N, C-alpha and C. Protein backbone atom coordinates (compact mmCIF):
# COMPACT_ATOMS: atom_id res chain seq x y z
N LEU A 1 -69.19 -48.83 -5.99
CA LEU A 1 -68.99 -50.11 -5.35
C LEU A 1 -67.52 -50.32 -4.97
N ASP A 2 -66.60 -49.94 -5.90
CA ASP A 2 -65.17 -50.08 -5.62
C ASP A 2 -64.74 -49.22 -4.43
N SER A 3 -65.26 -48.01 -4.36
CA SER A 3 -64.88 -47.13 -3.25
C SER A 3 -65.43 -47.67 -1.93
N LEU A 4 -66.61 -48.29 -1.95
CA LEU A 4 -67.17 -48.88 -0.75
C LEU A 4 -66.33 -50.06 -0.29
N LEU A 5 -65.91 -50.89 -1.23
CA LEU A 5 -65.05 -52.03 -0.91
C LEU A 5 -63.71 -51.56 -0.34
N LEU A 6 -63.14 -50.54 -0.95
CA LEU A 6 -61.87 -49.99 -0.47
C LEU A 6 -62.03 -49.44 0.95
N GLU A 7 -63.13 -48.76 1.22
CA GLU A 7 -63.37 -48.21 2.54
C GLU A 7 -63.51 -49.32 3.58
N ILE A 8 -64.16 -50.42 3.23
CA ILE A 8 -64.31 -51.55 4.14
C ILE A 8 -62.95 -52.16 4.47
N VAL A 9 -62.11 -52.33 3.46
CA VAL A 9 -60.76 -52.89 3.67
C VAL A 9 -59.96 -51.98 4.58
N ILE A 10 -60.00 -50.68 4.31
CA ILE A 10 -59.23 -49.73 5.12
C ILE A 10 -59.71 -49.74 6.57
N MET A 11 -61.02 -49.74 6.77
CA MET A 11 -61.57 -49.75 8.14
C MET A 11 -61.19 -51.04 8.86
N SER A 12 -61.20 -52.14 8.15
CA SER A 12 -60.83 -53.42 8.75
C SER A 12 -59.37 -53.38 9.21
N ARG A 13 -58.50 -52.86 8.36
CA ARG A 13 -57.08 -52.75 8.72
C ARG A 13 -56.87 -51.80 9.89
N LEU A 14 -57.58 -50.68 9.88
CA LEU A 14 -57.46 -49.73 10.98
C LEU A 14 -57.96 -50.33 12.29
N GLY A 15 -59.03 -51.12 12.21
CA GLY A 15 -59.55 -51.78 13.40
C GLY A 15 -58.54 -52.74 14.00
N SER A 16 -57.85 -53.50 13.15
CA SER A 16 -56.81 -54.42 13.62
C SER A 16 -55.68 -53.65 14.27
N LEU A 17 -55.28 -52.56 13.64
CA LEU A 17 -54.19 -51.75 14.17
C LEU A 17 -54.58 -51.15 15.51
N LEU A 18 -55.81 -50.67 15.63
CA LEU A 18 -56.26 -50.09 16.89
C LEU A 18 -56.28 -51.12 18.01
N ARG A 19 -56.68 -52.35 17.73
CA ARG A 19 -56.67 -53.41 18.75
C ARG A 19 -55.25 -53.64 19.26
N VAL A 20 -54.28 -53.68 18.34
CA VAL A 20 -52.88 -53.89 18.74
C VAL A 20 -52.40 -52.73 19.60
N VAL A 21 -52.73 -51.49 19.20
CA VAL A 21 -52.31 -50.32 19.96
C VAL A 21 -52.93 -50.34 21.36
N ARG A 22 -54.20 -50.70 21.46
CA ARG A 22 -54.85 -50.78 22.78
C ARG A 22 -54.19 -51.84 23.66
N GLN A 23 -53.85 -52.98 23.07
CA GLN A 23 -53.20 -54.05 23.85
C GLN A 23 -51.83 -53.60 24.34
N CYS A 24 -51.12 -52.86 23.51
CA CYS A 24 -49.79 -52.39 23.90
C CYS A 24 -49.87 -51.33 24.99
N ALA A 25 -50.92 -50.53 24.96
CA ALA A 25 -51.07 -49.46 25.94
C ALA A 25 -51.63 -49.97 27.26
N ALA A 26 -52.24 -51.15 27.24
CA ALA A 26 -52.84 -51.70 28.46
C ALA A 26 -51.75 -52.05 29.46
N PRO A 27 -52.01 -51.91 30.78
CA PRO A 27 -51.01 -52.28 31.78
C PRO A 27 -50.71 -53.78 31.68
N VAL A 28 -49.45 -54.11 31.85
CA VAL A 28 -49.02 -55.49 31.73
C VAL A 28 -49.04 -56.13 33.10
N VAL A 29 -49.72 -57.25 33.22
CA VAL A 29 -49.74 -58.01 34.46
C VAL A 29 -48.84 -59.20 34.23
N SER A 30 -47.78 -59.26 34.99
CA SER A 30 -46.79 -60.31 34.78
C SER A 30 -47.00 -61.46 35.74
N THR A 31 -47.29 -62.61 35.18
CA THR A 31 -47.34 -63.84 35.98
C THR A 31 -46.44 -64.83 35.29
N ARG A 32 -45.41 -65.22 35.96
CA ARG A 32 -44.45 -66.15 35.36
C ARG A 32 -44.88 -67.57 35.64
N VAL A 33 -45.03 -68.33 34.57
CA VAL A 33 -45.35 -69.74 34.68
C VAL A 33 -44.21 -70.49 34.02
N PRO A 34 -43.55 -71.41 34.75
CA PRO A 34 -42.42 -72.14 34.16
C PRO A 34 -42.82 -72.86 32.88
N GLY A 35 -41.99 -72.71 31.86
CA GLY A 35 -42.22 -73.40 30.59
C GLY A 35 -43.21 -72.72 29.67
N VAL A 36 -43.74 -71.55 30.05
CA VAL A 36 -44.72 -70.85 29.22
C VAL A 36 -44.14 -69.49 28.85
N SER A 37 -44.14 -69.19 27.56
CA SER A 37 -43.68 -67.87 27.14
C SER A 37 -44.84 -67.14 26.49
N VAL A 38 -44.94 -65.85 26.73
CA VAL A 38 -46.02 -65.04 26.18
C VAL A 38 -45.39 -64.04 25.23
N ARG A 39 -45.92 -64.00 24.02
CA ARG A 39 -45.42 -63.05 23.03
C ARG A 39 -46.34 -61.84 22.99
N SER A 40 -45.75 -60.68 22.98
CA SER A 40 -46.53 -59.45 22.94
C SER A 40 -46.88 -59.13 21.50
N PRO A 41 -48.12 -58.70 21.23
CA PRO A 41 -48.50 -58.32 19.87
C PRO A 41 -48.07 -56.90 19.53
N CYS A 42 -47.33 -56.24 20.43
CA CYS A 42 -46.95 -54.85 20.22
C CYS A 42 -46.03 -54.71 19.02
N ILE A 43 -46.11 -53.56 18.42
CA ILE A 43 -45.30 -53.26 17.26
C ILE A 43 -43.92 -52.81 17.74
N ARG A 44 -42.86 -53.37 17.14
CA ARG A 44 -41.51 -52.95 17.46
C ARG A 44 -41.04 -52.01 16.37
N LEU A 45 -40.52 -50.87 16.78
CA LEU A 45 -39.99 -49.94 15.81
C LEU A 45 -38.61 -50.40 15.40
N MET A 46 -38.38 -50.48 14.12
CA MET A 46 -37.10 -50.96 13.62
C MET A 46 -36.53 -49.95 12.64
N SER A 47 -35.24 -49.88 12.61
CA SER A 47 -34.57 -49.00 11.67
C SER A 47 -34.52 -49.67 10.31
N THR A 48 -34.55 -48.87 9.27
CA THR A 48 -34.41 -49.42 7.94
C THR A 48 -32.94 -49.57 7.57
N GLU A 49 -32.06 -49.02 8.39
CA GLU A 49 -30.63 -49.12 8.15
C GLU A 49 -30.12 -50.47 8.66
N PRO A 50 -29.19 -51.12 7.92
CA PRO A 50 -28.65 -52.38 8.42
C PRO A 50 -27.75 -52.15 9.63
N PRO A 51 -27.62 -53.13 10.52
CA PRO A 51 -26.71 -52.96 11.65
C PRO A 51 -25.29 -52.72 11.16
N GLU A 52 -24.52 -51.98 11.94
CA GLU A 52 -23.17 -51.63 11.52
C GLU A 52 -22.25 -52.83 11.41
N HIS A 53 -22.50 -53.86 12.22
CA HIS A 53 -21.58 -55.00 12.25
C HIS A 53 -21.84 -56.02 11.15
N GLN A 54 -22.85 -55.82 10.31
CA GLN A 54 -23.15 -56.78 9.26
C GLN A 54 -22.90 -56.17 7.90
N PRO A 55 -22.24 -56.91 7.01
CA PRO A 55 -22.03 -56.40 5.67
C PRO A 55 -23.36 -56.41 4.90
N GLU A 56 -23.39 -55.69 3.81
CA GLU A 56 -24.62 -55.61 3.02
C GLU A 56 -24.71 -56.80 2.08
N SER A 57 -24.89 -58.00 2.63
CA SER A 57 -25.06 -59.20 1.82
C SER A 57 -25.97 -60.15 2.56
N GLN A 58 -26.30 -61.25 1.90
CA GLN A 58 -27.16 -62.25 2.50
C GLN A 58 -26.36 -63.22 3.37
N GLU A 59 -25.04 -63.19 3.29
CA GLU A 59 -24.18 -64.07 4.07
C GLU A 59 -24.12 -63.58 5.51
N PRO A 60 -24.05 -64.50 6.47
CA PRO A 60 -23.92 -64.08 7.86
C PRO A 60 -22.57 -63.41 8.09
N TRP A 61 -22.54 -62.51 9.05
CA TRP A 61 -21.31 -61.81 9.37
C TRP A 61 -20.36 -62.73 10.10
N ILE A 62 -19.11 -62.78 9.67
CA ILE A 62 -18.08 -63.61 10.30
C ILE A 62 -16.98 -62.68 10.77
N PRO A 63 -16.55 -62.84 12.02
CA PRO A 63 -15.47 -61.96 12.51
C PRO A 63 -14.20 -62.14 11.69
N GLU A 64 -13.44 -61.07 11.59
CA GLU A 64 -12.19 -61.10 10.85
C GLU A 64 -11.17 -61.98 11.57
N TYR A 65 -10.42 -62.76 10.81
CA TYR A 65 -9.40 -63.64 11.37
C TYR A 65 -8.19 -62.80 11.79
N ILE A 66 -7.74 -62.99 13.02
CA ILE A 66 -6.57 -62.27 13.53
C ILE A 66 -5.54 -63.31 13.97
N GLU A 67 -4.37 -63.26 13.35
CA GLU A 67 -3.32 -64.22 13.72
C GLU A 67 -2.81 -63.89 15.12
N LYS A 68 -2.55 -64.94 15.88
CA LYS A 68 -2.08 -64.78 17.25
C LYS A 68 -0.60 -65.16 17.29
N PHE A 69 0.25 -64.17 17.08
CA PHE A 69 1.68 -64.42 16.96
C PHE A 69 2.34 -64.80 18.29
N GLU A 70 1.89 -64.22 19.38
CA GLU A 70 2.53 -64.44 20.68
C GLU A 70 1.90 -65.58 21.47
N GLU A 71 1.03 -66.34 20.87
CA GLU A 71 0.33 -67.42 21.57
C GLU A 71 1.30 -68.59 21.82
N PRO A 72 1.40 -69.06 23.07
CA PRO A 72 2.26 -70.22 23.35
C PRO A 72 1.79 -71.45 22.55
N LEU A 73 2.74 -72.30 22.15
CA LEU A 73 2.43 -73.43 21.28
C LEU A 73 1.38 -74.38 21.86
N GLU A 74 1.45 -74.66 23.14
CA GLU A 74 0.47 -75.57 23.74
C GLU A 74 -0.93 -74.98 23.73
N GLU A 75 -1.03 -73.67 23.97
CA GLU A 75 -2.34 -73.01 23.89
C GLU A 75 -2.87 -73.04 22.47
N LYS A 76 -1.97 -72.81 21.50
CA LYS A 76 -2.36 -72.84 20.09
C LYS A 76 -2.86 -74.23 19.72
N ARG A 77 -2.15 -75.26 20.16
CA ARG A 77 -2.59 -76.64 19.87
C ARG A 77 -3.96 -76.92 20.48
N SER A 78 -4.16 -76.49 21.70
CA SER A 78 -5.45 -76.70 22.37
C SER A 78 -6.57 -75.96 21.65
N ARG A 79 -6.32 -74.72 21.27
CA ARG A 79 -7.33 -73.93 20.56
C ARG A 79 -7.65 -74.56 19.21
N LEU A 80 -6.63 -74.97 18.48
CA LEU A 80 -6.84 -75.57 17.17
C LEU A 80 -7.58 -76.90 17.26
N LEU A 81 -7.28 -77.68 18.28
CA LEU A 81 -8.00 -78.94 18.48
C LEU A 81 -9.48 -78.66 18.72
N TYR A 82 -9.77 -77.69 19.57
CA TYR A 82 -11.16 -77.33 19.85
C TYR A 82 -11.85 -76.83 18.58
N GLN A 83 -11.20 -75.90 17.86
CA GLN A 83 -11.79 -75.33 16.65
C GLN A 83 -11.97 -76.39 15.56
N SER A 84 -11.12 -77.41 15.58
CA SER A 84 -11.24 -78.48 14.58
C SER A 84 -12.46 -79.34 14.85
N ARG A 85 -12.76 -79.57 16.10
CA ARG A 85 -13.90 -80.43 16.45
C ARG A 85 -15.22 -79.69 16.39
N LYS A 86 -15.24 -78.41 16.71
CA LYS A 86 -16.48 -77.63 16.80
C LYS A 86 -16.63 -76.74 15.56
N ARG A 87 -16.96 -77.34 14.45
CA ARG A 87 -17.04 -76.61 13.20
C ARG A 87 -18.44 -76.11 12.86
N GLY A 88 -19.46 -76.75 13.40
CA GLY A 88 -20.81 -76.40 13.00
C GLY A 88 -21.25 -77.17 11.77
N MET A 89 -20.39 -78.03 11.30
CA MET A 89 -20.67 -78.88 10.14
C MET A 89 -20.11 -80.25 10.46
N LEU A 90 -20.94 -81.25 10.53
CA LEU A 90 -20.55 -82.57 11.00
C LEU A 90 -19.38 -83.14 10.21
N GLU A 91 -19.42 -83.04 8.89
CA GLU A 91 -18.36 -83.62 8.06
C GLU A 91 -16.99 -83.06 8.43
N ASN A 92 -16.91 -81.73 8.55
CA ASN A 92 -15.62 -81.12 8.91
C ASN A 92 -15.27 -81.35 10.37
N GLY A 93 -16.27 -81.40 11.23
CA GLY A 93 -15.99 -81.70 12.63
C GLY A 93 -15.31 -83.05 12.77
N LEU A 94 -15.80 -84.04 12.05
CA LEU A 94 -15.21 -85.38 12.10
C LEU A 94 -13.85 -85.42 11.40
N LEU A 95 -13.79 -84.86 10.20
CA LEU A 95 -12.54 -84.88 9.43
C LEU A 95 -11.43 -84.09 10.12
N LEU A 96 -11.71 -82.83 10.44
CA LEU A 96 -10.68 -81.99 11.05
C LEU A 96 -10.39 -82.39 12.49
N GLY A 97 -11.41 -82.86 13.20
CA GLY A 97 -11.20 -83.30 14.58
C GLY A 97 -10.26 -84.50 14.66
N SER A 98 -10.49 -85.49 13.81
CA SER A 98 -9.61 -86.67 13.82
C SER A 98 -8.22 -86.32 13.30
N PHE A 99 -8.15 -85.42 12.31
CA PHE A 99 -6.85 -84.96 11.79
C PHE A 99 -6.07 -84.25 12.89
N ALA A 100 -6.73 -83.33 13.59
CA ALA A 100 -6.06 -82.56 14.63
C ALA A 100 -5.59 -83.46 15.77
N LYS A 101 -6.42 -84.41 16.15
CA LYS A 101 -6.04 -85.33 17.23
C LYS A 101 -4.80 -86.14 16.86
N LYS A 102 -4.71 -86.50 15.60
CA LYS A 102 -3.58 -87.33 15.14
C LYS A 102 -2.31 -86.52 14.89
N TYR A 103 -2.43 -85.34 14.27
CA TYR A 103 -1.25 -84.62 13.79
C TYR A 103 -0.82 -83.40 14.60
N LEU A 104 -1.73 -82.74 15.31
CA LEU A 104 -1.35 -81.51 16.02
C LEU A 104 -0.20 -81.70 17.02
N PRO A 105 -0.18 -82.80 17.79
CA PRO A 105 0.91 -82.93 18.77
C PRO A 105 2.31 -82.94 18.16
N GLU A 106 2.45 -83.38 16.92
CA GLU A 106 3.77 -83.46 16.30
C GLU A 106 4.09 -82.29 15.38
N MET A 107 3.14 -81.37 15.18
CA MET A 107 3.38 -80.24 14.27
C MET A 107 4.29 -79.20 14.91
N ASP A 108 5.20 -78.67 14.07
CA ASP A 108 6.05 -77.57 14.53
C ASP A 108 5.27 -76.25 14.36
N GLU A 109 5.89 -75.14 14.77
CA GLU A 109 5.21 -73.85 14.75
C GLU A 109 4.77 -73.45 13.35
N GLU A 110 5.58 -73.70 12.35
CA GLU A 110 5.24 -73.33 10.97
C GLU A 110 3.98 -74.08 10.50
N LYS A 111 3.91 -75.36 10.76
CA LYS A 111 2.74 -76.15 10.35
C LYS A 111 1.50 -75.73 11.14
N LEU A 112 1.69 -75.40 12.41
CA LEU A 112 0.55 -74.93 13.21
C LEU A 112 -0.04 -73.64 12.63
N VAL A 113 0.83 -72.73 12.19
CA VAL A 113 0.37 -71.47 11.60
C VAL A 113 -0.38 -71.75 10.29
N LEU A 114 0.15 -72.66 9.47
CA LEU A 114 -0.52 -73.02 8.22
C LEU A 114 -1.89 -73.65 8.49
N TYR A 115 -1.96 -74.53 9.48
CA TYR A 115 -3.22 -75.17 9.82
C TYR A 115 -4.22 -74.16 10.39
N ASP A 116 -3.73 -73.24 11.22
CA ASP A 116 -4.57 -72.18 11.79
C ASP A 116 -5.19 -71.35 10.66
N ARG A 117 -4.39 -70.95 9.69
CA ARG A 117 -4.89 -70.18 8.55
C ARG A 117 -5.90 -71.00 7.74
N LEU A 118 -5.61 -72.28 7.57
CA LEU A 118 -6.50 -73.14 6.78
C LEU A 118 -7.89 -73.24 7.39
N ILE A 119 -7.98 -73.45 8.69
CA ILE A 119 -9.31 -73.65 9.29
C ILE A 119 -10.00 -72.35 9.68
N ASN A 120 -9.28 -71.23 9.68
CA ASN A 120 -9.89 -69.98 10.12
C ASN A 120 -10.05 -68.92 9.04
N LEU A 121 -9.34 -69.02 7.92
CA LEU A 121 -9.48 -67.99 6.89
C LEU A 121 -10.65 -68.23 5.94
N PRO A 122 -10.82 -69.39 5.37
CA PRO A 122 -11.98 -69.55 4.46
C PRO A 122 -13.28 -69.33 5.23
N SER A 123 -14.21 -68.60 4.62
CA SER A 123 -15.46 -68.30 5.32
C SER A 123 -16.49 -69.41 5.15
N ASN A 124 -16.22 -70.37 4.30
CA ASN A 124 -17.18 -71.43 4.04
C ASN A 124 -16.53 -72.78 4.32
N ASP A 125 -17.06 -73.50 5.31
CA ASP A 125 -16.49 -74.80 5.67
C ASP A 125 -16.60 -75.81 4.54
N TRP A 126 -17.59 -75.66 3.67
CA TRP A 126 -17.70 -76.61 2.55
C TRP A 126 -16.49 -76.51 1.65
N GLU A 127 -15.92 -75.32 1.51
CA GLU A 127 -14.70 -75.19 0.69
C GLU A 127 -13.59 -76.07 1.24
N ILE A 128 -13.36 -76.01 2.53
CA ILE A 128 -12.31 -76.82 3.16
C ILE A 128 -12.59 -78.30 2.90
N TYR A 129 -13.83 -78.70 3.07
CA TYR A 129 -14.20 -80.11 2.87
C TYR A 129 -13.93 -80.54 1.42
N TYR A 130 -14.38 -79.73 0.46
CA TYR A 130 -14.18 -80.09 -0.95
C TYR A 130 -12.70 -80.13 -1.32
N TRP A 131 -11.90 -79.25 -0.74
CA TRP A 131 -10.46 -79.30 -1.01
C TRP A 131 -9.87 -80.58 -0.43
N ALA A 132 -10.26 -80.91 0.78
CA ALA A 132 -9.68 -82.07 1.47
C ALA A 132 -10.02 -83.38 0.76
N VAL A 133 -11.25 -83.50 0.25
CA VAL A 133 -11.63 -84.74 -0.43
C VAL A 133 -11.37 -84.64 -1.94
N GLU A 134 -10.72 -83.56 -2.35
CA GLU A 134 -10.28 -83.32 -3.72
C GLU A 134 -11.42 -83.28 -4.73
N GLN A 135 -12.56 -82.73 -4.32
CA GLN A 135 -13.65 -82.50 -5.26
C GLN A 135 -13.49 -81.15 -5.96
N LYS A 136 -12.74 -80.24 -5.32
CA LYS A 136 -12.41 -78.96 -5.93
C LYS A 136 -10.91 -78.74 -5.78
N GLU A 137 -10.38 -77.97 -6.71
CA GLU A 137 -8.95 -77.67 -6.66
C GLU A 137 -8.65 -76.72 -5.50
N THR A 138 -7.58 -77.01 -4.78
CA THR A 138 -7.19 -76.17 -3.65
C THR A 138 -6.56 -74.87 -4.16
N PRO A 139 -7.01 -73.71 -3.65
CA PRO A 139 -6.39 -72.44 -4.06
C PRO A 139 -4.92 -72.41 -3.65
N GLU A 140 -4.17 -71.63 -4.37
CA GLU A 140 -2.73 -71.53 -4.15
C GLU A 140 -2.38 -71.13 -2.71
N ASP A 141 -3.18 -70.25 -2.11
CA ASP A 141 -2.92 -69.78 -0.74
C ASP A 141 -2.96 -70.90 0.29
N PHE A 142 -3.72 -71.96 0.00
CA PHE A 142 -3.88 -73.04 0.97
C PHE A 142 -3.26 -74.36 0.51
N ASP A 143 -2.64 -74.35 -0.66
CA ASP A 143 -2.03 -75.57 -1.18
C ASP A 143 -0.61 -75.69 -0.61
N ASN A 144 -0.50 -76.37 0.54
CA ASN A 144 0.77 -76.48 1.23
C ASN A 144 0.89 -77.86 1.87
N ILE A 145 1.92 -78.07 2.65
CA ILE A 145 2.18 -79.39 3.25
C ILE A 145 1.05 -79.83 4.19
N VAL A 146 0.46 -78.89 4.92
CA VAL A 146 -0.62 -79.24 5.84
C VAL A 146 -1.85 -79.70 5.05
N MET A 147 -2.15 -79.03 3.94
CA MET A 147 -3.28 -79.46 3.11
C MET A 147 -3.00 -80.83 2.50
N ASP A 148 -1.76 -81.09 2.13
CA ASP A 148 -1.41 -82.42 1.61
C ASP A 148 -1.62 -83.49 2.69
N MET A 149 -1.25 -83.17 3.93
CA MET A 149 -1.47 -84.10 5.05
C MET A 149 -2.97 -84.34 5.25
N LEU A 150 -3.77 -83.28 5.16
CA LEU A 150 -5.22 -83.39 5.34
C LEU A 150 -5.85 -84.22 4.22
N LYS A 151 -5.39 -84.02 2.99
CA LYS A 151 -5.92 -84.80 1.87
C LYS A 151 -5.61 -86.28 2.04
N LYS A 152 -4.40 -86.57 2.48
CA LYS A 152 -4.03 -87.97 2.72
C LYS A 152 -4.87 -88.55 3.86
N HIS A 153 -5.08 -87.77 4.91
CA HIS A 153 -5.90 -88.22 6.04
C HIS A 153 -7.34 -88.49 5.59
N ALA A 154 -7.87 -87.62 4.70
CA ALA A 154 -9.25 -87.77 4.23
C ALA A 154 -9.45 -89.04 3.43
N LYS A 155 -8.40 -89.53 2.80
CA LYS A 155 -8.50 -90.78 2.01
C LYS A 155 -8.68 -91.99 2.92
N ASN A 156 -8.27 -91.88 4.17
CA ASN A 156 -8.48 -92.94 5.17
C ASN A 156 -7.92 -94.28 4.69
N GLU A 157 -6.70 -94.26 4.19
CA GLU A 157 -6.09 -95.46 3.62
C GLU A 157 -5.76 -96.52 4.66
N ASN A 158 -5.41 -96.11 5.88
CA ASN A 158 -5.03 -97.06 6.93
C ASN A 158 -6.20 -97.28 7.88
N ARG A 159 -7.25 -97.86 7.41
CA ARG A 159 -8.46 -98.05 8.24
C ARG A 159 -8.17 -98.93 9.37
């Protein structure tokens, strides 16, 4: 009885596989209808090796930060303003966006470099947020005058 049941399961699986193979081998008739997408049931062959550009972890791949030493100051200010507003996290977009709008125009080159490192080196935006609102201690690498300015800005004392 067990062998009969096993044979039925195997035949059922093979039948499903054969239907998919037949559908994939059938000629494709393409009719494009706006707003309608058709998914193919065909099997995609995939490598078991991870892509070269992704590290072997569950974290998404983030490009390496490269300092731009020869960037003109106005371009740097514009880039930093954009990067401050477009964080992908609403809390930091609001906090860093308002901070950048208020302080970037008056920052000298040294402060701009510190701010650039602050918003581009940590791989997790929540870290920046927790440091700014002082829920976590700021690491020594980022504990500088710009972080002090951001912490004061986050307190929103002058509403």
